[in-house]
Protein backbone atom coordinates (compact mmCIF):
# COMPACT_ATOMS: atom_id res chain seq x y z
CA MET A 1 226.75 116.77 92.18
CA HIS A 2 227.42 117.89 88.59
CA ALA A 3 225.78 121.26 87.78
CA PHE A 4 223.63 119.75 84.99
CA THR A 5 222.51 116.84 87.18
CA ARG A 6 221.76 119.20 90.07
CA SER A 7 219.77 121.49 87.77
CA LEU A 8 217.78 118.55 86.38
CA PHE A 9 217.11 117.28 89.92
CA VAL A 10 215.83 120.71 91.03
CA MET A 11 213.52 120.97 87.99
CA LEU A 12 212.09 117.49 88.57
CA ALA A 13 211.56 118.17 92.28
CA ALA A 14 209.84 121.47 91.52
CA ALA A 15 207.57 119.77 88.99
CA ALA A 16 206.69 117.07 91.51
CA VAL A 17 205.81 119.65 94.17
CA ALA A 18 203.75 121.70 91.71
CA GLY A 19 201.83 118.64 90.60
CA ALA A 20 201.25 117.28 94.10
CA GLY A 21 198.41 119.66 94.91
CA ALA A 22 196.78 119.57 91.49
CA PRO A 23 193.62 117.50 91.20
CA ALA A 24 193.88 114.46 88.98
CA ALA A 25 192.27 114.92 85.59
CA ALA A 26 189.07 112.98 85.01
CA ASP A 27 189.70 109.63 83.33
CA PRO A 28 187.48 109.46 80.21
CA SER A 29 187.70 105.67 80.20
CA HIS A 30 186.40 105.49 83.78
CA PRO A 31 184.25 108.59 84.34
CA ARG A 32 182.77 109.17 87.77
CA VAL A 33 179.26 110.38 88.57
CA ALA A 34 178.07 111.76 91.91
CA MET A 35 174.47 110.88 92.77
CA VAL A 36 173.34 113.39 95.38
CA THR A 37 170.27 111.95 97.12
CA THR A 38 168.15 112.86 100.13
CA ALA A 39 169.86 109.93 101.90
CA GLY A 40 173.42 111.01 101.06
CA THR A 41 175.84 110.96 98.13
CA ILE A 42 176.85 107.92 96.11
CA VAL A 43 179.75 108.13 93.64
CA VAL A 44 179.97 105.56 90.85
CA GLU A 45 182.86 104.93 88.49
CA LEU A 46 181.70 103.76 85.06
CA ASP A 47 183.60 101.46 82.70
CA ALA A 48 183.57 103.00 79.23
CA VAL A 49 186.20 100.50 78.08
CA HIS A 50 184.27 97.29 78.71
CA ALA A 51 180.69 98.62 78.60
CA PRO A 52 180.85 101.60 76.21
CA VAL A 53 177.23 101.56 75.01
CA THR A 54 175.67 101.37 78.48
CA THR A 55 178.10 103.93 79.89
CA ALA A 56 177.46 106.39 77.03
CA ASN A 57 173.70 106.05 77.45
CA PHE A 58 173.89 106.68 81.21
CA LEU A 59 176.22 109.67 80.78
CA LYS A 60 173.95 111.15 78.11
CA LEU A 61 171.08 111.19 80.62
CA VAL A 62 173.36 112.55 83.36
CA ASP A 63 174.68 115.35 81.13
CA ARG A 64 171.14 116.31 80.11
CA LYS A 65 170.22 116.42 83.84
CA LYS A 66 167.44 113.91 83.23
CA TYR A 67 168.10 112.17 86.55
CA ASP A 68 167.65 115.36 88.60
CA GLY A 69 164.48 114.73 90.58
CA ALA A 70 164.38 111.00 89.77
CA THR A 71 164.23 108.48 92.62
CA PHE A 72 165.43 105.25 94.10
CA TYR A 73 162.01 103.65 94.34
CA ARG A 74 162.66 99.90 94.65
CA SER A 75 164.63 97.95 97.23
CA VAL A 76 164.99 94.19 97.44
CA ASN A 77 166.62 93.01 100.66
CA PRO A 78 166.68 89.32 101.65
CA LYS A 79 167.02 90.33 105.31
CA LEU A 80 163.66 92.10 105.14
CA GLU A 81 162.08 89.85 102.54
CA PRO A 82 163.12 86.22 103.17
CA GLY A 83 163.36 84.30 99.93
CA ALA A 84 164.13 87.38 97.82
CA GLY A 85 166.43 86.29 95.05
CA ILE A 86 168.40 89.50 94.75
CA ASP A 87 169.82 92.26 96.97
CA VAL A 88 169.62 95.60 95.12
CA ILE A 89 168.24 99.11 95.09
CA GLN A 90 166.77 100.38 91.83
CA GLY A 91 166.43 103.91 90.56
CA GLY A 92 165.77 105.85 87.42
CA LEU A 93 163.11 107.75 85.55
CA ARG A 94 160.36 105.12 85.42
CA ASP A 95 159.29 106.39 82.00
CA ALA A 96 161.43 104.24 79.73
CA ALA A 97 159.02 104.71 76.83
CA THR A 98 160.24 108.29 76.48
CA HIS A 99 163.90 107.30 76.19
CA GLU A 100 165.64 105.28 73.53
CA THR A 101 166.59 101.73 74.39
CA ILE A 102 170.05 100.28 73.98
CA PRO A 103 171.38 96.84 73.09
CA LEU A 104 172.39 94.62 75.98
CA GLU A 105 176.11 94.41 76.72
CA LYS A 106 176.30 90.91 78.16
CA THR A 107 178.57 90.25 81.11
CA SER A 108 179.90 87.24 79.20
CA THR A 109 181.28 89.73 76.65
CA THR A 110 182.30 92.63 78.90
CA GLY A 111 183.88 90.53 81.64
CA LEU A 112 182.10 92.66 84.27
CA HIS A 113 179.96 90.99 86.94
CA ASN A 114 177.03 91.82 89.19
CA THR A 115 179.02 91.83 92.41
CA ASP A 116 178.91 94.02 95.51
CA GLY A 117 178.68 97.73 94.67
CA VAL A 118 178.22 97.24 90.93
CA ILE A 119 175.85 99.45 88.92
CA SER A 120 173.86 97.62 86.25
CA MET A 121 171.21 98.48 83.70
CA ALA A 122 167.68 97.36 84.55
CA ARG A 123 165.44 96.13 81.75
CA SER A 124 162.19 94.35 80.96
CA SER A 125 161.98 90.76 79.67
CA ASP A 126 163.33 92.09 76.36
CA PRO A 127 167.13 91.95 76.77
CA ASN A 128 167.55 95.02 74.56
CA SER A 129 165.12 97.20 76.51
CA GLY A 130 167.61 98.94 78.81
CA SER A 131 166.94 102.67 78.92
CA SER A 132 167.07 104.88 82.02
CA GLU A 133 166.57 102.40 84.87
CA PHE A 134 169.55 101.09 86.81
CA PHE A 135 170.27 99.17 89.99
CA LEU A 136 173.08 98.98 92.53
CA CYS A 137 174.10 95.56 93.84
CA ILE A 138 174.52 94.77 97.52
CA GLY A 139 176.58 91.61 97.93
CA ASP A 140 177.01 88.90 95.33
CA ASN A 141 174.35 89.04 92.61
CA THR A 142 176.38 87.19 89.98
CA PHE A 143 173.38 84.97 89.19
CA LEU A 144 172.22 88.06 87.24
CA ASP A 145 175.21 87.61 84.91
CA ALA A 146 174.61 86.26 81.42
CA ASP A 147 176.28 82.92 82.13
CA HIS A 148 173.88 82.22 85.01
CA GLN A 149 170.63 83.17 83.27
CA PRO A 150 168.57 80.55 81.40
CA ASP A 151 168.27 82.84 78.37
CA GLY A 152 172.00 83.63 78.38
CA ASN A 153 171.37 87.38 78.56
CA GLY A 154 171.49 88.63 82.14
CA TYR A 155 171.89 92.27 83.12
CA ALA A 156 174.56 94.69 81.90
CA ALA A 157 177.05 95.68 84.61
CA PHE A 158 178.79 98.93 83.68
CA GLY A 159 180.55 100.36 86.73
CA ARG A 160 180.87 100.28 90.49
CA VAL A 161 180.30 102.37 93.60
CA VAL A 162 183.55 103.99 94.74
CA SER A 163 182.07 106.10 97.55
CA GLY A 164 178.81 106.02 99.48
CA MET A 165 178.15 102.30 99.84
CA THR A 166 176.83 103.07 103.33
CA VAL A 167 174.16 105.21 101.65
CA VAL A 168 173.28 102.33 99.30
CA LYS A 169 172.90 99.99 102.27
CA ALA A 170 170.85 102.55 104.21
CA ILE A 171 168.40 102.84 101.30
CA ASN A 172 168.33 99.04 101.03
CA ALA A 173 167.40 98.81 104.72
CA LEU A 174 164.35 101.10 104.42
CA PRO A 175 160.94 99.47 104.93
CA THR A 176 159.12 98.52 101.75
CA GLN A 177 155.66 97.61 100.57
CA GLY A 178 156.47 94.55 98.54
CA GLU A 179 159.64 95.70 96.82
CA MET A 180 158.60 99.34 96.48
CA LEU A 181 159.66 102.13 98.82
CA PRO A 182 156.52 103.90 100.09
CA THR A 183 158.61 107.08 100.25
CA PRO A 184 161.14 106.90 97.42
CA VAL A 185 164.59 108.40 98.00
CA ARG A 186 164.88 111.44 95.76
CA ILE A 187 167.90 111.94 93.53
CA ILE A 188 168.57 115.67 93.89
CA SER A 189 171.18 115.71 91.15
CA MET A 190 173.60 113.60 89.16
CA ARG A 191 176.77 115.19 87.83
CA ARG A 192 180.08 114.01 86.45
CA VAL A 193 182.89 114.33 88.97
CA LYS A 194 185.54 116.59 87.44
């Protein structure tokens, strides 16, 4: 092997070995957030490329530690509630009036869908009332997409669960009174994953 080629090979190999143990840098276009709850940890990866407004709003609340002490307080599970139209768990601050609302990012625009493991922004009947409430989908909830809603609005999907779906399903399986959890699952903390 030519001395220059051998030298280049050694440098590249050394660089590869040095980089192998280094943690990957956080991707600003797909930031991750760890939700540490009393039922376990859920990690979501957000999509700042396709749903920038919703992602920025969620991260603002995470960075200000607003979700620390919040809860998952609602669970809709067709297995426990025959005829339920959706299969989700919902969490947040439950005091939307104290937080600014954001415009709806329709799934018909973002290309994201309310499928298994997706995180979406909850809202009232006003499509632009999303604030601090969110839900995690269990199974196919694409009828919540804009194209499937009579008003053409739907609910803004903005990321997906990448770890802890068993925790999501465990919360979803808890007994409810109506759709409310008698003992909400506390969110101990939410932090960006570095």
